């Protein structure tokens, strides 16, 4: 049995549902093109199991393979609409220097923006 990180175990149910819906949409695109799972995996240079995990919406699936899937279907622009940058963030430039790095190179409370 493989280990799962705390981040995967603690995924919110809504996040899991969104991943499942994305997998269903990718599957629908594949079927509409008349491609098999094997053909998709070959096009994406991944294993069939890796591609199946994307269609199933597994949170451990590679985002790179998901992006490649969207690209194959001409849908990569849809990825650009995910989490748009707030206009205020465009003008802010933060630089972390060694002296203000928190203990163990973690971001300290003083460094948080939100």
PDB file of N, CA and C in Angstrom:
ATOM      1  N   UNK A   1       0.845  -1.178   0.000  1.00  0.00           N
ATOM      2  CA  UNK A   1       0.000   0.000   0.000  1.00  0.00           C
ATOM      3  C   UNK A   1       0.891   1.243   0.000  1.00  0.00           C
ATOM      4  N   UNK A   2       0.550   2.213  -0.829  1.00  0.00           N
ATOM      5  CA  UNK A   2       1.367   3.417  -0.924  1.00  0.00           C
ATOM      6  C   UNK A   2       1.008   4.403   0.184  1.00  0.00           C
ATOM      7  N   UNK A   3       2.002   5.212   0.540  1.00  0.00           N
ATOM      8  CA  UNK A   3       1.781   6.243   1.553  1.00  0.00           C
ATOM      9  C   UNK A   3       1.096   7.435   0.903  1.00  0.00           C
ATOM     10  N   UNK A   4       0.233   8.091   1.671  1.00  0.00           N
ATOM     11  CA  UNK A   4      -0.383   9.328   1.197  1.00  0.00           C
ATOM     12  C   UNK A   4       0.037  10.449   2.122  1.00  0.00           C
ATOM     13  N   UNK A   5       0.280  11.611   1.532  1.00  0.00           N
ATOM     14  CA  UNK A   5       0.655  12.753   2.343  1.00  0.00           C
ATOM     15  C   UNK A   5      -0.570  13.282   3.092  1.00  0.00           C
ATOM     16  N   UNK A   6      -0.307  14.054   4.116  1.00  0.00           N
ATOM     17  CA  UNK A   6      -1.392  14.671   4.873  1.00  0.00           C
ATOM     18  C   UNK A   6      -2.242  15.575   3.998  1.00  0.00           C
ATOM     19  N   UNK A   7      -1.603  16.209   3.008  1.00  0.00           N
ATOM     20  CA  UNK A   7      -2.337  17.101   2.112  1.00  0.00           C
ATOM     21  C   UNK A   7      -3.368  16.325   1.289  1.00  0.00           C
ATOM     22  N   UNK A   8      -3.018  15.123   0.876  1.00  0.00           N
ATOM     23  CA  UNK A   8      -3.938  14.303   0.090  1.00  0.00           C
ATOM     24  C   UNK A   8      -5.044  13.764   0.989  1.00  0.00           C
ATOM     25  N   UNK A   9      -4.662  13.273   2.161  1.00  0.00           N
ATOM     26  CA  UNK A   9      -5.653  12.731   3.095  1.00  0.00           C
ATOM     27  C   UNK A   9      -6.640  13.801   3.540  1.00  0.00           C
ATOM     28  N   UNK A  10      -6.161  15.029   3.658  1.00  0.00           N
ATOM     29  CA  UNK A  10      -6.996  16.109   4.176  1.00  0.00           C
ATOM     30  C   UNK A  10      -7.707  16.913   3.104  1.00  0.00           C
ATOM     31  N   UNK A  11      -7.738  16.413   1.882  1.00  0.00           N
ATOM     32  CA  UNK A  11      -8.409  17.152   0.812  1.00  0.00           C
ATOM     33  C   UNK A  11      -9.886  17.344   1.119  1.00  0.00           C
ATOM     34  N   UNK A  12     -10.356  18.530   0.918  1.00  0.00           N
ATOM     35  CA  UNK A  12     -11.754  18.849   1.161  1.00  0.00           C
ATOM     36  C   UNK A  12     -12.629  18.092   0.162  1.00  0.00           C
ATOM     37  N   UNK A  13     -13.798  17.615   0.584  1.00  0.00           N
ATOM     38  CA  UNK A  13     -14.695  16.881  -0.323  1.00  0.00           C
ATOM     39  C   UNK A  13     -15.051  17.654  -1.595  1.00  0.00           C
ATOM     40  N   UNK A  14     -15.168  18.969  -1.497  1.00  0.00           N
ATOM     41  CA  UNK A  14     -15.474  19.767  -2.689  1.00  0.00           C
ATOM     42  C   UNK A  14     -14.315  19.741  -3.675  1.00  0.00           C
ATOM     43  N   UNK A  15     -13.086  19.727  -3.160  1.00  0.00           N
ATOM     44  CA  UNK A  15     -11.907  19.650  -4.030  1.00  0.00           C
ATOM     45  C   UNK A  15     -11.872  18.295  -4.731  1.00  0.00           C
ATOM     46  N   UNK A  16     -12.169  17.240  -3.991  1.00  0.00           N
ATOM     47  CA  UNK A  16     -12.220  15.902  -4.580  1.00  0.00           C
ATOM     48  C   UNK A  16     -13.282  15.832  -5.680  1.00  0.00           C
ATOM     49  N   UNK A  17     -14.430  16.421  -5.406  1.00  0.00           N
ATOM     50  CA  UNK A  17     -15.521  16.414  -6.385  1.00  0.00           C
ATOM     51  C   UNK A  17     -15.133  17.175  -7.651  1.00  0.00           C
ATOM     52  N   UNK A  18     -14.433  18.292  -7.482  1.00  0.00           N
ATOM     53  CA  UNK A  18     -13.993  19.065  -8.648  1.00  0.00           C
ATOM     54  C   UNK A  18     -13.008  18.271  -9.494  1.00  0.00           C
ATOM     55  N   UNK A  19     -12.102  17.547  -8.838  1.00  0.00           N
ATOM     56  CA  UNK A  19     -11.156  16.707  -9.581  1.00  0.00           C
ATOM     57  C   UNK A  19     -11.876  15.592 -10.328  1.00  0.00           C
ATOM     58  N   UNK A  20     -12.880  15.009  -9.689  1.00  0.00           N
ATOM     59  CA  UNK A  20     -13.660  13.967 -10.354  1.00  0.00           C
ATOM     60  C   UNK A  20     -14.379  14.524 -11.579  1.00  0.00           C
ATOM     61  N   UNK A  21     -14.938  15.717 -11.461  1.00  0.00           N
ATOM     62  CA  UNK A  21     -15.626  16.338 -12.596  1.00  0.00           C
ATOM     63  C   UNK A  21     -14.650  16.645 -13.725  1.00  0.00           C
ATOM     64  N   UNK A  22     -13.457  17.113 -13.378  1.00  0.00           N
ATOM     65  CA  UNK A  22     -12.445  17.366 -14.400  1.00  0.00           C
ATOM     66  C   UNK A  22     -12.096  16.062 -15.118  1.00  0.00           C
ATOM     67  N   UNK A  23     -11.916  14.999 -14.361  1.00  0.00           N
ATOM     68  CA  UNK A  23     -11.636  13.693 -14.958  1.00  0.00           C
ATOM     69  C   UNK A  23     -12.749  13.237 -15.883  1.00  0.00           C
ATOM     70  N   UNK A  24     -13.993  13.477 -15.479  1.00  0.00           N
ATOM     71  CA  UNK A  24     -15.133  13.106 -16.321  1.00  0.00           C
ATOM     72  C   UNK A  24     -15.157  13.909 -17.617  1.00  0.00           C
ATOM     73  N   UNK A  25     -14.808  15.194 -17.522  1.00  0.00           N
ATOM     74  CA  UNK A  25     -14.777  16.030 -18.726  1.00  0.00           C
ATOM     75  C   UNK A  25     -13.660  15.591 -19.672  1.00  0.00           C
ATOM     76  N   UNK A  26     -12.505  15.246 -19.103  1.00  0.00           N
ATOM     77  CA  UNK A  26     -11.399  14.762 -19.935  1.00  0.00           C
ATOM     78  C   UNK A  26     -11.792  13.437 -20.592  1.00  0.00           C
ATOM     79  N   UNK A  27     -12.440  12.556 -19.839  1.00  0.00           N
ATOM     80  CA  UNK A  27     -12.903  11.274 -20.385  1.00  0.00           C
ATOM     81  C   UNK A  27     -13.890  11.504 -21.529  1.00  0.00           C
ATOM     82  N   UNK A  28     -14.825  12.431 -21.334  1.00  0.00           N
ATOM     83  CA  UNK A  28     -15.822  12.724 -22.372  1.00  0.00           C
ATOM     84  C   UNK A  28     -15.143  13.234 -23.645  1.00  0.00           C
ATOM     85  N   UNK A  29     -14.114  14.066 -23.481  1.00  0.00           N
ATOM     86  CA  UNK A  29     -13.374  14.567 -24.648  1.00  0.00           C
ATOM     87  C   UNK A  29     -12.681  13.415 -25.375  1.00  0.00           C
ATOM     88  N   UNK A  30     -12.076  12.508 -24.601  1.00  0.00           N
ATOM     89  CA  UNK A  30     -11.388  11.356 -25.196  1.00  0.00           C
ATOM     90  C   UNK A  30     -12.368  10.509 -26.004  1.00  0.00           C
ATOM     91  N   UNK A  31     -13.511  10.226 -25.424  1.00  0.00           N
ATOM     92  CA  UNK A  31     -14.525   9.402 -26.087  1.00  0.00           C
ATOM     93  C   UNK A  31     -15.048  10.107 -27.337  1.00  0.00           C
ATOM     94  N   UNK A  32     -15.260  11.421 -27.240  1.00  0.00           N
ATOM     95  CA  UNK A  32     -15.742  12.183 -28.393  1.00  0.00           C
ATOM     96  C   UNK A  32     -14.748  12.128 -29.559  1.00  0.00           C
ATOM     97  N   UNK A  33     -13.466  12.028 -29.235  1.00  0.00           N
ATOM     98  CA  UNK A  33     -12.435  11.913 -30.272  1.00  0.00           C
ATOM     99  C   UNK A  33     -12.290  10.483 -30.781  1.00  0.00           C
ATOM    100  N   UNK A  34     -12.926   9.536 -30.086  1.00  0.00           N
ATOM    101  CA  UNK A  34     -12.851   8.141 -30.496  1.00  0.00           C
ATOM    102  C   UNK A  34     -11.548   7.460 -30.110  1.00  0.00           C
ATOM    103  N   UNK A  35     -10.868   7.992 -29.082  1.00  0.00           N
ATOM    104  CA  UNK A  35      -9.583   7.441 -28.654  1.00  0.00           C
ATOM    105  C   UNK A  35      -9.774   6.494 -27.479  1.00  0.00           C
ATOM    106  N   UNK A  36      -8.964   5.464 -27.435  1.00  0.00           N
ATOM    107  CA  UNK A  36      -8.980   4.534 -26.305  1.00  0.00           C
ATOM    108  C   UNK A  36      -8.058   5.059 -25.214  1.00  0.00           C
ATOM    109  N   UNK A  37      -8.154   4.451 -24.045  1.00  0.00           N
ATOM    110  CA  UNK A  37      -7.251   4.819 -22.955  1.00  0.00           C
ATOM    111  C   UNK A  37      -5.808   4.556 -23.364  1.00  0.00           C
ATOM    112  N   UNK A  38      -5.594   3.439 -24.031  1.00  0.00           N
ATOM    113  CA  UNK A  38      -4.238   3.101 -24.483  1.00  0.00           C
ATOM    114  C   UNK A  38      -3.698   4.166 -25.434  1.00  0.00           C
ATOM    115  N   UNK A  39      -4.522   4.613 -26.375  1.00  0.00           N
ATOM    116  CA  UNK A  39      -4.091   5.647 -27.317  1.00  0.00           C
ATOM    117  C   UNK A  39      -3.786   6.964 -26.603  1.00  0.00           C
ATOM    118  N   UNK A  40      -4.620   7.324 -25.632  1.00  0.00           N
ATOM    119  CA  UNK A  40      -4.373   8.552 -24.866  1.00  0.00           C
ATOM    120  C   UNK A  40      -3.061   8.457 -24.104  1.00  0.00           C
ATOM    121  N   UNK A  41      -2.853   7.342 -23.431  1.00  0.00           N
ATOM    122  CA  UNK A  41      -1.624   7.157 -22.659  1.00  0.00           C
ATOM    123  C   UNK A  41      -0.399   7.253 -23.572  1.00  0.00           C
ATOM    124  N   UNK A  42      -0.488   6.676 -24.762  1.00  0.00           N
ATOM    125  CA  UNK A  42       0.622   6.762 -25.722  1.00  0.00           C
ATOM    126  C   UNK A  42       0.857   8.202 -26.155  1.00  0.00           C
ATOM    127  N   UNK A  43      -0.215   8.925 -26.417  1.00  0.00           N
ATOM    128  CA  UNK A  43      -0.084  10.330 -26.837  1.00  0.00           C
ATOM    129  C   UNK A  43       0.528  11.190 -25.725  1.00  0.00           C
ATOM    130  N   UNK A  44       0.224  10.842 -24.484  1.00  0.00           N
ATOM    131  CA  UNK A  44       0.691  11.629 -23.345  1.00  0.00           C
ATOM    132  C   UNK A  44       2.016  11.114 -22.768  1.00  0.00           C
ATOM    133  N   UNK A  45       2.536  10.037 -23.334  1.00  0.00           N
ATOM    134  CA  UNK A  45       3.786   9.429 -22.849  1.00  0.00           C
ATOM    135  C   UNK A  45       3.694   9.039 -21.379  1.00  0.00           C
ATOM    136  N   UNK A  46       2.561   8.470 -21.002  1.00  0.00           N
ATOM    137  CA  UNK A  46       2.383   7.997 -19.636  1.00  0.00           C
ATOM    138  C   UNK A  46       1.796   6.593 -19.675  1.00  0.00           C
ATOM    139  N   UNK A  47       1.731   5.960 -18.530  1.00  0.00           N
ATOM    140  CA  UNK A  47       1.135   4.623 -18.472  1.00  0.00           C
ATOM    141  C   UNK A  47      -0.389   4.728 -18.537  1.00  0.00           C
ATOM    142  N   UNK A  48      -1.003   3.618 -18.878  1.00  0.00           N
ATOM    143  CA  UNK A  48      -2.460   3.589 -18.901  1.00  0.00           C
ATOM    144  C   UNK A  48      -3.020   3.824 -17.499  1.00  0.00           C
ATOM    145  N   UNK A  49      -2.344   3.298 -16.479  1.00  0.00           N
ATOM    146  CA  UNK A  49      -2.802   3.512 -15.096  1.00  0.00           C
ATOM    147  C   UNK A  49      -2.737   4.984 -14.711  1.00  0.00           C
ATOM    148  N   UNK A  50      -1.680   5.671 -15.141  1.00  0.00           N
ATOM    149  CA  UNK A  50      -1.580   7.108 -14.854  1.00  0.00           C
ATOM    150  C   UNK A  50      -2.724   7.853 -15.516  1.00  0.00           C
ATOM    151  N   UNK A  51      -2.999   7.512 -16.776  1.00  0.00           N
ATOM    152  CA  UNK A  51      -4.093   8.195 -17.456  1.00  0.00           C
ATOM    153  C   UNK A  51      -5.440   7.861 -16.815  1.00  0.00           C
ATOM    154  N   UNK A  52      -5.626   6.607 -16.434  1.00  0.00           N
ATOM    155  CA  UNK A  52      -6.880   6.234 -15.761  1.00  0.00           C
ATOM    156  C   UNK A  52      -7.070   7.042 -14.478  1.00  0.00           C
ATOM    157  N   UNK A  53      -5.979   7.278 -13.753  1.00  0.00           N
ATOM    158  CA  UNK A  53      -6.097   8.044 -12.503  1.00  0.00           C
ATOM    159  C   UNK A  53      -6.564   9.473 -12.774  1.00  0.00           C
ATOM    160  N   UNK A  54      -6.215  10.014 -13.932  1.00  0.00           N
ATOM    161  CA  UNK A  54      -6.686  11.351 -14.304  1.00  0.00           C
ATOM    162  C   UNK A  54      -8.182  11.315 -14.579  1.00  0.00           C
ATOM    163  N   UNK A  55      -8.614  10.337 -15.346  1.00  0.00           N
ATOM    164  CA  UNK A  55     -10.049  10.229 -15.646  1.00  0.00           C
ATOM    165  C   UNK A  55     -10.866   9.948 -14.392  1.00  0.00           C
ATOM    166  N   UNK A  56     -10.271   9.299 -13.410  1.00  0.00           N
ATOM    167  CA  UNK A  56     -10.981   9.002 -12.163  1.00  0.00           C
ATOM    168  C   UNK A  56     -10.947  10.195 -11.205  1.00  0.00           C
ATOM    169  N   UNK A  57     -10.151  11.201 -11.522  1.00  0.00           N
ATOM    170  CA  UNK A  57     -10.066  12.379 -10.676  1.00  0.00           C
ATOM    171  C   UNK A  57      -9.281  12.151  -9.407  1.00  0.00           C
ATOM    172  N   UNK A  58      -8.335  11.232  -9.440  1.00  0.00           N
ATOM    173  CA  UNK A  58      -7.535  10.966  -8.245  1.00  0.00           C
ATOM    174  C   UNK A  58      -6.641  12.164  -7.946  1.00  0.00           C
ATOM    175  N   UNK A  59      -6.576  12.588  -6.702  1.00  0.00           N
ATOM    176  CA  UNK A  59      -5.782  13.767  -6.364  1.00  0.00           C
ATOM    177  C   UNK A  59      -4.281  13.560  -6.501  1.00  0.00           C
ATOM    178  N   UNK A  60      -3.840  12.330  -6.657  1.00  0.00           N
ATOM    179  CA  UNK A  60      -2.412  12.072  -6.818  1.00  0.00           C
ATOM    180  C   UNK A  60      -1.982  12.111  -8.280  1.00  0.00           C
ATOM    181  N   UNK A  61      -2.931  12.326  -9.186  1.00  0.00           N
ATOM    182  CA  UNK A  61      -2.607  12.366 -10.617  1.00  0.00           C
ATOM    183  C   UNK A  61      -1.743  13.588 -10.921  1.00  0.00           C
ATOM    184  N   UNK A  62      -0.877  13.433 -11.886  1.00  0.00           N
ATOM    185  CA  UNK A  62       0.053  14.494 -12.265  1.00  0.00           C
ATOM    186  C   UNK A  62      -0.671  15.652 -12.951  1.00  0.00           C
ATOM    187  N   UNK A  63      -0.429  16.846 -12.448  1.00  0.00           N
ATOM    188  CA  UNK A  63      -1.039  18.019 -13.080  1.00  0.00           C
ATOM    189  C   UNK A  63      -0.442  18.255 -14.457  1.00  0.00           C
ATOM    190  N   UNK A  64       0.798  17.829 -14.662  1.00  0.00           N
ATOM    191  CA  UNK A  64       1.421  17.961 -15.968  1.00  0.00           C
ATOM    192  C   UNK A  64       0.721  17.104 -17.011  1.00  0.00           C
ATOM    193  N   UNK A  65       0.352  15.881 -16.629  1.00  0.00           N
ATOM    194  CA  UNK A  65      -0.359  15.010 -17.561  1.00  0.00           C
ATOM    195  C   UNK A  65      -1.771  15.555 -17.800  1.00  0.00           C
ATOM    196  N   UNK A  66      -2.379  16.111 -16.757  1.00  0.00           N
ATOM    197  CA  UNK A  66      -3.702  16.732 -16.946  1.00  0.00           C
ATOM    198  C   UNK A  66      -3.609  17.885 -17.935  1.00  0.00           C
ATOM    199  N   UNK A  67      -2.578  18.724 -17.774  1.00  0.00           N
ATOM    200  CA  UNK A  67      -2.400  19.861 -18.684  1.00  0.00           C
ATOM    201  C   UNK A  67      -2.161  19.370 -20.110  1.00  0.00           C
ATOM    202  N   UNK A  68      -1.381  18.324 -20.257  1.00  0.00           N
ATOM    203  CA  UNK A  68      -1.148  17.762 -21.586  1.00  0.00           C
ATOM    204  C   UNK A  68      -2.431  17.222 -22.194  1.00  0.00           C
ATOM    205  N   UNK A  69      -3.273  16.622 -21.364  1.00  0.00           N
ATOM    206  CA  UNK A  69      -4.570  16.127 -21.837  1.00  0.00           C
ATOM    207  C   UNK A  69      -5.409  17.276 -22.363  1.00  0.00           C
ATOM    208  N   UNK A  70      -5.464  18.356 -21.598  1.00  0.00           N
ATOM    209  CA  UNK A  70      -6.235  19.522 -22.027  1.00  0.00           C
ATOM    210  C   UNK A  70      -5.672  20.085 -23.331  1.00  0.00           C
ATOM    211  N   UNK A  71      -4.350  20.095 -23.453  1.00  0.00           N
ATOM    212  CA  UNK A  71      -3.717  20.593 -24.666  1.00  0.00           C
ATOM    213  C   UNK A  71      -4.119  19.745 -25.874  1.00  0.00           C
ATOM    214  N   UNK A  72      -4.110  18.415 -25.711  1.00  0.00           N
ATOM    215  CA  UNK A  72      -4.493  17.527 -26.810  1.00  0.00           C
ATOM    216  C   UNK A  72      -5.894  17.833 -27.336  1.00  0.00           C
ATOM    217  N   UNK A  73      -6.777  18.238 -26.438  1.00  0.00           N
ATOM    218  CA  UNK A  73      -8.165  18.511 -26.817  1.00  0.00           C
ATOM    219  C   UNK A  73      -8.396  19.978 -27.180  1.00  0.00           C
ATOM    220  N   UNK A  74      -7.325  20.768 -27.218  1.00  0.00           N
ATOM    221  CA  UNK A  74      -7.470  22.186 -27.534  1.00  0.00           C
ATOM    222  C   UNK A  74      -8.138  22.961 -26.417  1.00  0.00           C
ATOM    223  N   UNK A  75      -8.011  22.475 -25.195  1.00  0.00           N
ATOM    224  CA  UNK A  75      -8.675  23.091 -24.044  1.00  0.00           C
ATOM    225  C   UNK A  75      -7.695  23.704 -23.031  1.00  0.00           C
ATOM    226  N   UNK A  76      -6.436  23.839 -23.408  1.00  0.00           N
ATOM    227  CA  UNK A  76      -5.438  24.317 -22.450  1.00  0.00           C
ATOM    228  C   UNK A  76      -5.757  25.715 -21.926  1.00  0.00           C
ATOM    229  N   UNK A  77      -6.390  26.546 -22.753  1.00  0.00           N
ATOM    230  CA  UNK A  77      -6.747  27.892 -22.295  1.00  0.00           C
ATOM    231  C   UNK A  77      -7.656  27.858 -21.078  1.00  0.00           C
ATOM    232  N   UNK A  78      -8.434  26.792 -20.926  1.00  0.00           N
ATOM    233  CA  UNK A  78      -9.322  26.694 -19.765  1.00  0.00           C
ATOM    234  C   UNK A  78      -8.520  26.633 -18.468  1.00  0.00           C
ATOM    235  N   UNK A  79      -7.301  26.130 -18.534  1.00  0.00           N
ATOM    236  CA  UNK A  79      -6.448  26.070 -17.346  1.00  0.00           C
ATOM    237  C   UNK A  79      -6.016  27.473 -16.910  1.00  0.00           C
ATOM    238  N   UNK A  80      -5.932  28.388 -17.863  1.00  0.00           N
ATOM    239  CA  UNK A  80      -5.529  29.755 -17.552  1.00  0.00           C
ATOM    240  C   UNK A  80      -6.589  30.526 -16.773  1.00  0.00           C
ATOM    241  N   UNK A  81      -7.815  30.021 -16.733  1.00  0.00           N
ATOM    242  CA  UNK A  81      -8.870  30.708 -15.989  1.00  0.00           C
ATOM    243  C   UNK A  81      -8.929  30.258 -14.532  1.00  0.00           C
ATOM    244  N   UNK A  82      -8.121  29.263 -14.177  1.00  0.00           N
ATOM    245  CA  UNK A  82      -8.112  28.754 -12.801  1.00  0.00           C
ATOM    246  C   UNK A  82      -7.342  29.725 -11.913  1.00  0.00           C
ATOM    247  N   UNK A  83      -7.942  30.111 -10.820  1.00  0.00           N
ATOM    248  CA  UNK A  83      -7.329  30.990  -9.818  1.00  0.00           C
ATOM    249  C   UNK A  83      -6.665  32.214 -10.441  1.00  0.00           C
ATOM    250  N   UNK A  84      -7.462  33.099 -11.032  1.00  0.00           N
ATOM    251  CA  UNK A  84      -6.878  34.301 -11.633  1.00  0.00           C
ATOM    252  C   UNK A  84      -6.158  35.151 -10.589  1.00  0.00           C
ATOM    253  N   UNK A  85      -5.146  35.854 -11.037  1.00  0.00           N
ATOM    254  CA  UNK A  85      -4.347  36.691 -10.142  1.00  0.00           C
ATOM    255  C   UNK A  85      -5.147  37.948  -9.819  1.00  0.00           C
ATOM    256  N   UNK A  86      -5.325  38.241  -8.529  1.00  0.00           N
ATOM    257  CA  UNK A  86      -6.007  39.492  -8.166  1.00  0.00           C
ATOM    258  C   UNK A  86      -5.194  40.692  -8.660  1.00  0.00           C
ATOM    259  N   UNK A  87      -5.856  41.704  -9.121  1.00  0.00           N
ATOM    260  CA  UNK A  87      -5.182  42.878  -9.682  1.00  0.00           C
ATOM    261  C   UNK A  87      -4.203  43.498  -8.685  1.00  0.00           C
ATOM    262  N   UNK A  88      -4.539  43.440  -7.386  1.00  0.00           N
ATOM    263  CA  UNK A  88      -3.653  44.018  -6.378  1.00  0.00           C
ATOM    264  C   UNK A  88      -2.317  43.280  -6.326  1.00  0.00           C
ATOM    265  N   UNK A  89      -2.330  41.999  -6.624  1.00  0.00           N
ATOM    266  CA  UNK A  89      -1.112  41.193  -6.522  1.00  0.00           C
ATOM    267  C   UNK A  89      -0.143  41.477  -7.655  1.00  0.00           C
ATOM    268  N   UNK A  90      -0.628  42.035  -8.734  1.00  0.00           N
ATOM    269  CA  UNK A  90       0.244  42.310  -9.873  1.00  0.00           C
ATOM    270  C   UNK A  90       1.258  43.382  -9.525  1.00  0.00           C
ATOM    271  N   UNK A  91       0.882  44.315  -8.669  1.00  0.00           N
ATOM    272  CA  UNK A  91       1.775  45.425  -8.348  1.00  0.00           C
ATOM    273  C   UNK A  91       2.696  45.140  -7.174  1.00  0.00           C
ATOM    274  N   UNK A  92       2.459  44.043  -6.454  1.00  0.00           N
ATOM    275  CA  UNK A  92       3.265  43.708  -5.282  1.00  0.00           C
ATOM    276  C   UNK A  92       4.429  42.827  -5.697  1.00  0.00           C
ATOM    277  N   UNK A  93       5.607  43.172  -5.219  1.00  0.00           N
ATOM    278  CA  UNK A  93       6.773  42.336  -5.486  1.00  0.00           C
ATOM    279  C   UNK A  93       7.401  41.988  -4.149  1.00  0.00           C
ATOM    280  N   UNK A  94       7.426  40.692  -3.853  1.00  0.00           N
ATOM    281  CA  UNK A  94       8.019  40.229  -2.596  1.00  0.00           C
ATOM    282  C   UNK A  94       9.298  39.482  -2.897  1.00  0.00           C
ATOM    283  N   UNK A  95      10.276  39.739  -2.093  1.00  0.00           N
ATOM    284  CA  UNK A  95      11.529  39.016  -2.221  1.00  0.00           C
ATOM    285  C   UNK A  95      11.902  38.506  -0.839  1.00  0.00           C
ATOM    286  N   UNK A  96      12.130  37.209  -0.749  1.00  0.00           N
ATOM    287  CA  UNK A  96      12.580  36.638   0.521  1.00  0.00           C
ATOM    288  C   UNK A  96      14.095  36.643   0.529  1.00  0.00           C
ATOM    289  N   UNK A  97      14.632  37.182   1.570  1.00  0.00           N
ATOM    290  CA  UNK A  97      16.084  37.151   1.727  1.00  0.00           C
ATOM    291  C   UNK A  97      16.428  36.190   2.849  1.00  0.00           C
ATOM    292  N   UNK A  98      17.660  35.804   2.899  1.00  0.00           N
ATOM    293  CA  UNK A  98      18.093  34.851   3.918  1.00  0.00           C
ATOM    294  C   UNK A  98      17.818  35.354   5.328  1.00  0.00           C
ATOM    295  N   UNK A  99      18.010  36.635   5.554  1.00  0.00           N
ATOM    296  CA  UNK A  99      17.855  37.150   6.916  1.00  0.00           C
ATOM    297  C   UNK A  99      16.406  37.105   7.404  1.00  0.00           C
ATOM    298  N   UNK A 100      15.415  37.168   6.498  1.00  0.00           N
ATOM    299  CA  UNK A 100      14.038  37.139   6.975  1.00  0.00           C
ATOM    300  C   UNK A 100      13.363  35.790   6.774  1.00  0.00           C
ATOM    301  N   UNK A 101      14.149  34.770   6.476  1.00  0.00           N
ATOM    302  CA  UNK A 101      13.574  33.431   6.394  1.00  0.00           C
ATOM    303  C   UNK A 101      13.313  32.933   7.802  1.00  0.00           C
ATOM    304  N   UNK A 102      12.153  32.339   7.966  1.00  0.00           N
ATOM    305  CA  UNK A 102      11.783  31.820   9.275  1.00  0.00           C
ATOM    306  C   UNK A 102      12.576  30.580   9.635  1.00  0.00           C
ATOM    307  N   UNK A 103      12.304  30.072  10.806  1.00  0.00           N
ATOM    308  CA  UNK A 103      12.987  28.890  11.295  1.00  0.00           C
ATOM    309  C   UNK A 103      12.737  27.712  10.353  1.00  0.00           C
ATOM    310  N   UNK A 104      13.793  27.007   9.976  1.00  0.00           N
ATOM    311  CA  UNK A 104      13.659  25.861   9.097  1.00  0.00           C
ATOM    312  C   UNK A 104      13.222  26.239   7.685  1.00  0.00           C
ATOM    313  N   UNK A 105      13.474  27.485   7.288  1.00  0.00           N
ATOM    314  CA  UNK A 105      13.128  27.988   5.961  1.00  0.00           C
ATOM    315  C   UNK A 105      11.629  27.971   5.705  1.00  0.00           C
ATOM    316  N   UNK A 106      10.823  28.020   6.739  1.00  0.00           N
ATOM    317  CA  UNK A 106       9.383  28.131   6.585  1.00  0.00           C
ATOM    318  C   UNK A 106       9.015  29.602   6.526  1.00  0.00           C
ATOM    319  N   UNK A 107       7.918  29.904   5.899  1.00  0.00           N
ATOM    320  CA  UNK A 107       7.463  31.292   5.860  1.00  0.00           C
ATOM    321  C   UNK A 107       6.970  31.668   7.249  1.00  0.00           C
ATOM    322  N   UNK A 108       7.505  32.735   7.775  1.00  0.00           N
ATOM    323  CA  UNK A 108       7.120  33.166   9.121  1.00  0.00           C
ATOM    324  C   UNK A 108       5.799  33.926   9.058  1.00  0.00           C
ATOM    325  N   UNK A 109       5.168  34.091  10.224  1.00  0.00           N
ATOM    326  CA  UNK A 109       3.904  34.843  10.286  1.00  0.00           C
ATOM    327  C   UNK A 109       4.083  36.261   9.762  1.00  0.00           C
ATOM    328  N   UNK A 110       5.252  36.858  10.004  1.00  0.00           N
ATOM    329  CA  UNK A 110       5.499  38.222   9.577  1.00  0.00           C
ATOM    330  C   UNK A 110       5.560  38.328   8.044  1.00  0.00           C
ATOM    331  N   UNK A 111       5.863  37.231   7.367  1.00  0.00           N
ATOM    332  CA  UNK A 111       5.975  37.236   5.915  1.00  0.00           C
ATOM    333  C   UNK A 111       4.670  36.994   5.183  1.00  0.00           C
ATOM    334  N   UNK A 112       3.642  36.603   5.914  1.00  0.00           N
ATOM    335  CA  UNK A 112       2.371  36.295   5.261  1.00  0.00           C
ATOM    336  C   UNK A 112       1.728  37.548   4.715  1.00  0.00           C
ATOM    337  N   UNK A 113       1.123  37.445   3.556  1.00  0.00           N
ATOM    338  CA  UNK A 113       0.433  38.567   2.944  1.00  0.00           C
ATOM    339  C   UNK A 113      -1.028  38.621   3.347  1.00  0.00           C
ATOM    340  N   UNK A 114      -1.624  37.478   3.566  1.00  0.00           N
ATOM    341  CA  UNK A 114      -3.069  37.431   3.814  1.00  0.00           C
ATOM    342  C   UNK A 114      -3.383  37.278   5.286  1.00  0.00           C
TER     343      UNK A 114
END
